[in-house]
Amino acid sequence: MREFGELLRTHRIGAGLTQQQLADFAMVSVRAIRDLECGRTRSPRAETVRLLADGLRLDDASRADLQQAGGRAAGRTAVAPPAPAGQAGLIAGREAEAAALSALLTEGRPEAGGYESRRLVTITGVSGVGKTRLALEVAGELHFRHGWSVLWHPAQPSPSVDDDQDTVLVTDRLPDPRLLEAHPRLRIVVTALAPTGLPDEHVFPLGALADDAAMRVLLTHVHRVRPAFKPEPANQAALMGLVHELDGLPSALEFAAGWFMVYSPQHLLDRLRTNPLDPTSAHLRDSLRRSLSTVDDEGRELLVRMAGGDDAGPGRSLRDLCVRGLVRRVGSRHEVLNLVRAAVLEPMSGPHLAGGVALTGPC
């Protein structure tokens, strides 16, 4: 049997989470996660194992394996309480989106005539924009305020659904649409780079954070590596420049914050303006590669033209790029995200670009 710490680390990395992100999702201290993964703590409490499994959104089989590795018998799977709202979970600036998504899912109550509309909602957007975090926030709202049951992406095609209560299934996989036919009180929220194309799907595009929210997220991550750092008039322009250069994407802001241990805000901004896709930011490049891989040939051609400065006329391809969060509306025009533009125009050369994301070369 694998050690608990090794199994925990494998699940965390497989979910694409840092130790801090898992701590936020699971409501467990990052120190506890670090001690478990390195083997300093070998006998976690049953409640800790449950919270970690919930934060990782493990299916029943994986949850049982984790419980067994922790020396706990696998019991009945509990309803997974999502991560809390607020700065600890870095949900800053998503209040309007959370309210709108919650309203979509709670429409069509039985007393209003049924559940025909908004039962399948897909949150789309560029990788790293915070789709899963928003889904967690709304699931928590439905669970704690409305008493809904919450299910995470189950491995089984037919998860256990209680038809006597409202239930929301949160998944990053293609769901079986027959679940909605079989369970009238079930809602499904999918987090994906692009629409699933399933019948009766409601697409919920998620854009980048507004400037003020992005600044709060950036500073929260900065304080984790430089607790004494303070925004002040001398660095305000550079901080805002970083927010703009990184498109307000939460994952990119978190990556940039780690460099505050080495660079001043202005030096970091200068470096990013020289090369937004720094060779050391492999995860950022990989994330963009995943997003760009969902675009068809016509959309790729449009992206290349827009990245080169051409204006985009209305059409299906432009809509598809907007839905994927690769393009945003600014006034009366549409523009490509800075990081997406860098990925599109990046030369396909250099050891760090093996299998790179550039759309101007072979894909």
Protein backbone atom coordinates (compact mmCIF):
# COMPACT_ATOMS: atom_id res chain seq x y z
CA MET A 1 0.00 0.00 0.00
CA ARG A 2 1.29 3.48 -0.84
CA GLU A 3 2.16 5.87 1.98
CA PHE A 4 -0.47 8.48 2.75
CA GLY A 5 1.85 11.41 2.01
CA GLU A 6 2.89 10.02 -1.37
CA LEU A 7 -0.72 9.33 -2.34
CA LEU A 8 -1.81 12.79 -1.21
CA ARG A 9 0.94 14.45 -3.23
CA THR A 10 0.04 12.38 -6.31
CA HIS A 11 -3.63 13.41 -6.11
CA ARG A 12 -2.72 17.07 -5.49
CA ILE A 13 -0.35 17.29 -8.46
CA GLY A 14 -2.83 15.41 -10.63
CA ALA A 15 -5.46 18.02 -9.76
CA GLY A 16 -3.05 20.80 -10.70
CA LEU A 17 -3.08 22.34 -7.21
CA THR A 18 -0.31 23.87 -5.16
CA GLN A 19 -0.14 23.03 -1.46
CA GLN A 20 -1.57 26.47 -0.70
CA GLN A 21 -4.47 26.04 -3.12
CA LEU A 22 -5.34 22.66 -1.63
CA ALA A 23 -5.17 24.22 1.83
CA ASP A 24 -7.64 26.90 0.69
CA PHE A 25 -10.02 24.38 -0.88
CA ALA A 26 -9.86 21.84 1.97
CA MET A 27 -9.83 24.31 4.89
CA VAL A 28 -6.67 22.63 6.20
CA SER A 29 -3.47 24.52 7.03
CA VAL A 30 -0.73 24.46 4.42
CA ARG A 31 1.70 23.38 7.15
CA ALA A 32 -0.44 20.29 7.84
CA ILE A 33 -0.40 19.39 4.14
CA ARG A 34 3.36 19.90 3.98
CA ASP A 35 3.92 17.70 7.05
CA LEU A 36 1.69 14.97 5.63
CA GLU A 37 3.37 14.93 2.23
CA CYS A 38 6.89 14.80 3.61
CA GLY A 39 5.99 12.10 6.16
CA ARG A 40 6.41 14.11 9.35
CA THR A 41 2.77 13.34 10.12
CA ARG A 42 1.82 9.72 9.40
CA SER A 43 -1.54 9.32 11.16
CA PRO A 44 -3.91 12.07 10.01
CA ARG A 45 -7.22 12.54 11.80
CA ALA A 46 -10.29 11.16 10.06
CA GLU A 47 -11.72 14.68 9.67
CA THR A 48 -8.49 15.86 8.04
CA VAL A 49 -8.60 12.99 5.54
CA ARG A 50 -12.21 13.81 4.72
CA LEU A 51 -11.48 17.51 4.19
CA LEU A 52 -8.52 16.71 1.95
CA ALA A 53 -10.58 14.28 -0.10
CA ASP A 54 -13.31 16.91 -0.47
CA GLY A 55 -10.80 19.58 -1.46
CA LEU A 56 -9.30 17.27 -4.09
CA ARG A 57 -12.81 16.32 -5.31
CA LEU A 58 -11.92 12.62 -5.23
CA ASP A 59 -14.29 10.01 -6.56
CA ASP A 60 -15.46 7.23 -4.25
CA ALA A 61 -12.67 4.79 -5.14
CA SER A 62 -9.88 7.33 -4.76
CA ARG A 63 -11.41 8.58 -1.52
CA ALA A 64 -11.46 5.04 -0.13
CA ASP A 65 -7.81 4.55 -1.10
CA LEU A 66 -6.82 7.76 0.68
CA GLN A 67 -8.78 6.78 3.79
CA GLN A 68 -7.17 3.35 3.82
CA ALA A 69 -3.68 4.81 3.39
CA GLY A 70 -4.41 7.08 6.35
CA GLY A 71 -5.43 4.09 8.47
CA ARG A 72 -9.14 4.89 8.29
CA ALA A 73 -11.80 2.51 7.09
CA ALA A 74 -13.64 3.78 4.04
CA GLY A 75 -17.07 4.82 5.17
CA ARG A 76 -20.03 6.42 3.46
CA THR A 77 -19.03 9.36 1.30
CA ALA A 78 -20.15 12.59 2.90
CA VAL A 79 -21.55 15.57 1.05
CA ALA A 80 -18.47 17.60 0.15
CA PRO A 81 -18.48 21.08 1.72
CA PRO A 82 -16.81 23.43 -0.76
CA ALA A 83 -14.14 25.97 0.11
CA PRO A 84 -15.20 29.09 2.01
CA ALA A 85 -15.70 32.44 0.37
CA GLY A 86 -13.47 35.41 0.89
CA GLN A 87 -9.83 36.25 0.59
CA ALA A 88 -8.60 32.91 1.95
CA GLY A 89 -10.07 31.23 -1.11
CA LEU A 90 -9.16 34.08 -3.46
CA ILE A 91 -12.70 34.53 -4.77
CA ALA A 92 -12.18 38.31 -4.84
CA GLY A 93 -14.08 40.16 -7.52
CA ARG A 94 -16.41 37.34 -8.49
CA GLU A 95 -19.46 38.43 -6.51
CA ALA A 96 -21.53 39.30 -9.60
CA GLU A 97 -20.59 36.09 -11.41
CA ALA A 98 -21.32 33.97 -8.32
CA ALA A 99 -24.73 35.59 -7.89
CA ALA A 100 -25.59 35.13 -11.57
CA LEU A 101 -24.52 31.48 -11.62
CA SER A 102 -26.42 30.74 -8.42
CA ALA A 103 -29.54 32.32 -9.92
CA LEU A 104 -29.21 30.21 -13.07
CA LEU A 105 -29.08 27.03 -11.03
CA THR A 106 -31.98 27.89 -8.73
CA GLU A 107 -34.41 28.90 -11.48
CA GLY A 108 -37.27 26.57 -12.36
CA ARG A 109 -38.25 25.50 -8.86
CA PRO A 110 -40.97 22.80 -8.69
CA GLU A 111 -43.56 25.32 -7.59
CA ALA A 112 -42.72 27.40 -10.67
CA GLY A 113 -43.50 24.59 -13.04
CA GLY A 114 -40.51 22.31 -13.25
CA TYR A 115 -36.81 22.05 -13.91
CA GLU A 116 -36.68 22.42 -17.68
CA SER A 117 -34.18 25.30 -17.90
CA ARG A 118 -30.59 25.93 -16.78
CA ARG A 119 -30.00 22.42 -15.48
CA LEU A 120 -26.69 22.05 -17.33
CA VAL A 121 -24.34 25.02 -17.03
CA THR A 122 -20.81 25.01 -18.44
CA ILE A 123 -18.36 27.59 -17.09
CA THR A 124 -15.90 28.33 -19.89
CA GLY A 125 -12.76 30.44 -20.04
CA VAL A 126 -9.03 30.42 -20.57
CA SER A 127 -7.06 28.06 -18.35
CA GLY A 128 -6.27 29.67 -15.01
CA VAL A 129 -9.11 32.18 -14.99
CA GLY A 130 -10.76 30.61 -11.92
CA LYS A 131 -13.57 28.43 -13.29
CA THR A 132 -13.21 25.73 -10.63
CA ARG A 133 -12.92 28.31 -7.85
CA LEU A 134 -16.19 29.93 -8.95
CA ALA A 135 -17.91 26.54 -9.11
CA LEU A 136 -16.70 25.80 -5.57
CA GLU A 137 -18.03 29.13 -4.34
CA VAL A 138 -21.48 28.63 -5.84
CA ALA A 139 -21.67 25.00 -4.69
CA GLY A 140 -20.89 26.21 -1.18
CA GLU A 141 -23.65 28.80 -1.41
CA LEU A 142 -26.18 26.18 -2.52
CA HIS A 143 -25.02 23.71 0.15
CA PHE A 144 -24.78 25.96 3.20
CA ARG A 145 -27.59 28.45 2.49
CA HIS A 146 -30.09 26.35 0.55
CA GLY A 147 -29.39 22.85 1.86
CA TRP A 148 -28.48 21.33 -1.50
CA SER A 149 -26.42 18.18 -1.74
CA VAL A 150 -23.10 18.55 -3.56
CA LEU A 151 -21.40 15.85 -5.65
CA TRP A 152 -17.91 16.10 -7.21
CA HIS A 153 -17.11 14.43 -10.54
CA PRO A 154 -17.77 10.75 -9.76
CA ALA A 155 -15.93 8.03 -11.60
CA GLN A 156 -19.11 5.99 -11.88
CA PRO A 157 -21.42 6.89 -14.80
CA SER A 158 -24.39 6.67 -12.39
CA PRO A 159 -23.52 8.50 -9.16
CA SER A 160 -25.69 8.15 -6.09
CA VAL A 161 -28.22 10.99 -6.30
CA ASP A 162 -30.88 11.60 -3.66
CA ASP A 163 -34.02 12.42 -5.62
CA ASP A 164 -35.69 13.82 -2.51
CA GLN A 165 -33.44 16.89 -2.42
CA ASP A 166 -31.86 19.38 -4.79
CA THR A 167 -28.38 18.30 -5.86
CA VAL A 168 -25.59 19.95 -7.84
CA LEU A 169 -22.89 17.88 -9.53
CA VAL A 170 -19.64 19.80 -10.17
CA THR A 171 -17.38 18.18 -12.75
CA ASP A 172 -14.54 18.90 -15.14
CA ARG A 173 -15.50 15.89 -17.26
CA LEU A 174 -18.09 15.40 -19.97
CA PRO A 175 -21.24 14.46 -18.04
CA ASP A 176 -23.76 11.85 -19.04
CA PRO A 177 -26.87 13.85 -20.11
CA ARG A 178 -29.06 10.90 -19.11
CA LEU A 179 -28.39 11.84 -15.50
CA LEU A 180 -30.63 14.89 -15.92
CA GLU A 181 -33.43 12.74 -17.31
CA ALA A 182 -33.12 10.24 -14.48
CA HIS A 183 -32.91 12.81 -11.66
CA PRO A 184 -35.36 15.74 -11.98
CA ARG A 185 -33.82 17.68 -9.05
CA LEU A 186 -30.24 17.43 -10.28
CA ARG A 187 -28.19 20.32 -11.67
CA ILE A 188 -24.79 19.86 -13.36
CA VAL A 189 -22.02 22.47 -13.44
CA VAL A 190 -19.16 21.71 -15.84
CA THR A 191 -15.85 23.58 -15.80
CA ALA A 192 -14.27 23.43 -19.24
CA LEU A 193 -12.11 25.34 -21.70
CA ALA A 194 -14.90 25.23 -24.30
CA PRO A 195 -18.60 24.33 -24.45
CA THR A 196 -19.43 20.63 -24.28
CA GLY A 197 -21.98 20.80 -27.09
CA LEU A 198 -24.51 18.77 -25.09
CA PRO A 199 -28.23 19.49 -25.59
CA ASP A 200 -29.77 22.30 -23.52
CA GLU A 201 -26.35 23.47 -22.34
CA HIS A 202 -26.13 27.01 -20.94
CA VAL A 203 -22.66 28.45 -21.53
CA PHE A 204 -21.37 30.76 -18.79
CA PRO A 205 -18.18 32.50 -20.04
CA LEU A 206 -15.83 33.65 -17.28
CA GLY A 207 -13.57 36.58 -18.06
CA ALA A 208 -10.49 37.98 -16.35
CA LEU A 209 -10.68 39.78 -13.02
CA ALA A 210 -11.28 43.52 -12.90
CA ASP A 211 -8.26 45.63 -11.98
CA ASP A 212 -9.12 46.15 -8.30
CA ALA A 213 -9.88 42.48 -7.67
CA ALA A 214 -6.78 41.38 -9.60
CA MET A 215 -4.67 43.71 -7.49
CA ARG A 216 -6.08 42.18 -4.28
CA VAL A 217 -5.31 38.67 -5.53
CA LEU A 218 -1.77 39.65 -6.54
CA LEU A 219 -1.02 41.26 -3.18
CA THR A 220 -2.46 38.29 -1.28
CA HIS A 221 -0.03 35.96 -3.05
CA VAL A 222 2.85 38.43 -2.67
CA HIS A 223 2.33 38.56 1.11
CA ARG A 224 2.79 34.80 1.25
CA VAL A 225 6.37 35.16 0.04
CA ARG A 226 7.13 38.70 1.25
CA PRO A 227 4.91 39.38 4.28
CA ALA A 228 6.39 42.84 4.82
CA PHE A 229 5.74 44.04 1.25
CA LYS A 230 3.57 47.17 1.06
CA PRO A 231 2.01 48.85 -1.97
CA GLU A 232 3.00 52.51 -2.02
CA PRO A 233 3.00 55.40 -4.51
CA ALA A 234 6.50 54.48 -5.73
CA ASN A 235 5.44 50.98 -6.86
CA GLN A 236 1.73 51.51 -7.62
CA ALA A 237 2.22 52.05 -11.34
CA ALA A 238 4.39 48.92 -11.65
CA LEU A 239 1.86 46.82 -9.72
CA MET A 240 -0.96 47.96 -11.97
CA GLY A 241 1.25 47.30 -14.98
CA LEU A 242 1.72 43.72 -13.78
CA VAL A 243 -2.03 43.29 -13.43
CA HIS A 244 -2.56 44.49 -17.00
CA GLU A 245 0.38 42.55 -18.46
CA LEU A 246 -0.95 39.34 -16.89
CA ASP A 247 -4.52 40.00 -18.05
CA GLY A 248 -5.93 39.74 -14.52
CA LEU A 249 -5.68 35.93 -14.68
CA PRO A 250 -5.51 34.50 -11.13
CA SER A 251 -3.04 31.72 -12.00
CA ALA A 252 -0.70 34.14 -13.77
CA LEU A 253 -0.88 36.58 -10.85
CA GLU A 254 0.01 33.77 -8.45
CA PHE A 255 3.00 32.83 -10.60
CA ALA A 256 4.21 36.42 -10.77
CA ALA A 257 3.93 36.85 -7.01
CA GLY A 258 6.57 34.18 -6.47
CA TRP A 259 9.09 36.35 -8.32
CA PHE A 260 8.72 39.10 -5.73
CA MET A 261 11.32 37.18 -3.72
CA VAL A 262 13.83 38.09 -6.46
CA TYR A 263 12.62 41.18 -8.31
CA SER A 264 11.13 44.54 -7.48
CA PRO A 265 7.71 45.17 -9.10
CA GLN A 266 9.29 47.38 -11.77
CA HIS A 267 12.03 44.88 -12.61
CA LEU A 268 9.47 42.09 -12.86
CA LEU A 269 7.26 44.23 -15.09
CA ASP A 270 10.22 45.01 -17.37
CA ARG A 271 11.04 41.31 -17.62
CA LEU A 272 7.46 40.35 -18.46
CA ARG A 273 7.20 43.08 -21.09
CA THR A 274 10.31 41.66 -22.71
CA ASN A 275 9.02 38.08 -22.58
CA PRO A 276 5.53 37.54 -21.10
CA LEU A 277 5.97 33.77 -21.41
CA ASP A 278 9.16 33.53 -19.45
CA PRO A 279 10.98 30.22 -20.10
CA THR A 280 10.69 29.35 -16.41
CA SER A 281 6.88 29.57 -16.42
CA ALA A 282 6.30 26.14 -17.93
CA HIS A 283 2.92 25.69 -16.25
CA LEU A 284 1.67 28.96 -17.72
CA ARG A 285 2.74 27.93 -21.21
CA ASP A 286 1.14 24.51 -20.77
CA SER A 287 -2.11 26.10 -19.61
CA LEU A 288 -2.26 28.31 -22.66
CA ARG A 289 -1.46 25.33 -24.87
CA ARG A 290 -4.49 23.52 -23.49
CA SER A 291 -6.75 26.50 -24.15
CA LEU A 292 -5.45 27.07 -27.67
CA SER A 293 -5.86 23.40 -28.54
CA THR A 294 -9.66 23.79 -28.43
CA VAL A 295 -9.69 26.34 -31.30
CA ASP A 296 -10.52 25.19 -34.83
CA ASP A 297 -8.53 26.19 -37.93
CA GLU A 298 -10.71 29.20 -38.74
CA GLY A 299 -10.43 30.45 -35.17
CA ARG A 300 -6.66 29.97 -35.21
CA GLU A 301 -6.32 32.05 -38.35
CA LEU A 302 -8.39 34.80 -36.76
CA LEU A 303 -6.28 34.67 -33.58
CA VAL A 304 -3.08 35.06 -35.59
CA ARG A 305 -4.51 38.07 -37.45
CA MET A 306 -5.78 39.71 -34.27
CA ALA A 307 -2.49 39.03 -32.47
CA GLY A 308 -0.77 40.86 -35.30
CA GLY A 309 -2.99 43.90 -34.84
CA ASP A 310 -5.87 43.31 -37.28
CA ASP A 311 -9.40 44.13 -36.20
CA ALA A 312 -11.94 41.33 -36.03
CA GLY A 313 -15.32 41.52 -37.64
CA PRO A 314 -18.39 39.84 -36.11
CA GLY A 315 -18.81 36.16 -36.74
CA ARG A 316 -18.87 32.68 -35.27
CA SER A 317 -15.10 32.46 -34.90
CA LEU A 318 -14.94 35.66 -32.88
CA ARG A 319 -17.73 34.43 -30.65
CA ASP A 320 -15.94 31.12 -30.11
CA LEU A 321 -12.75 32.94 -29.10
CA CYS A 322 -14.69 35.12 -26.66
CA VAL A 323 -16.43 32.10 -25.13
CA ARG A 324 -13.02 30.50 -24.56
CA GLY A 325 -11.73 33.68 -22.92
CA LEU A 326 -8.91 34.10 -25.45
CA VAL A 327 -10.33 37.42 -26.65
CA ARG A 328 -12.07 40.17 -24.71
CA ARG A 329 -14.14 43.21 -25.60
CA VAL A 330 -12.57 46.60 -24.94
CA GLY A 331 -14.92 49.42 -25.82
CA SER A 332 -16.13 48.86 -29.37
CA ARG A 333 -13.21 46.56 -30.26
CA HIS A 334 -12.05 43.08 -29.37
CA GLU A 335 -8.48 42.35 -28.41
CA VAL A 336 -6.44 39.23 -27.74
CA LEU A 337 -5.24 38.73 -24.16
CA ASN A 338 -1.60 39.75 -23.73
CA LEU A 339 -0.51 36.27 -22.68
CA VAL A 340 -2.45 34.66 -25.51
CA ARG A 341 -0.87 37.06 -28.01
CA ALA A 342 2.58 36.14 -26.71
CA ALA A 343 1.77 32.44 -27.06
CA VAL A 344 0.40 32.88 -30.57
CA LEU A 345 3.40 34.87 -31.83
CA GLU A 346 6.11 33.04 -29.87
CA PRO A 347 8.79 31.55 -32.17
CA MET A 348 8.83 27.75 -32.28
CA SER A 349 12.47 27.48 -31.26
CA GLY A 350 14.54 27.03 -28.16
CA PRO A 351 14.80 24.07 -25.75
CA HIS A 352 12.03 25.39 -23.52
CA LEU A 353 9.58 25.40 -26.44
CA ALA A 354 9.54 21.72 -27.25
CA GLY A 355 5.97 21.17 -28.39
CA GLY A 356 5.29 24.88 -27.93
CA VAL A 357 1.98 26.63 -28.30
CA ALA A 358 2.68 29.04 -31.16
CA LEU A 359 -0.08 29.00 -33.77
CA THR A 360 2.13 30.47 -36.47
CA GLY A 361 4.11 27.21 -36.69
CA PRO A 362 3.08 23.57 -36.94
CA CYS A 363 0.40 22.66 -34.37
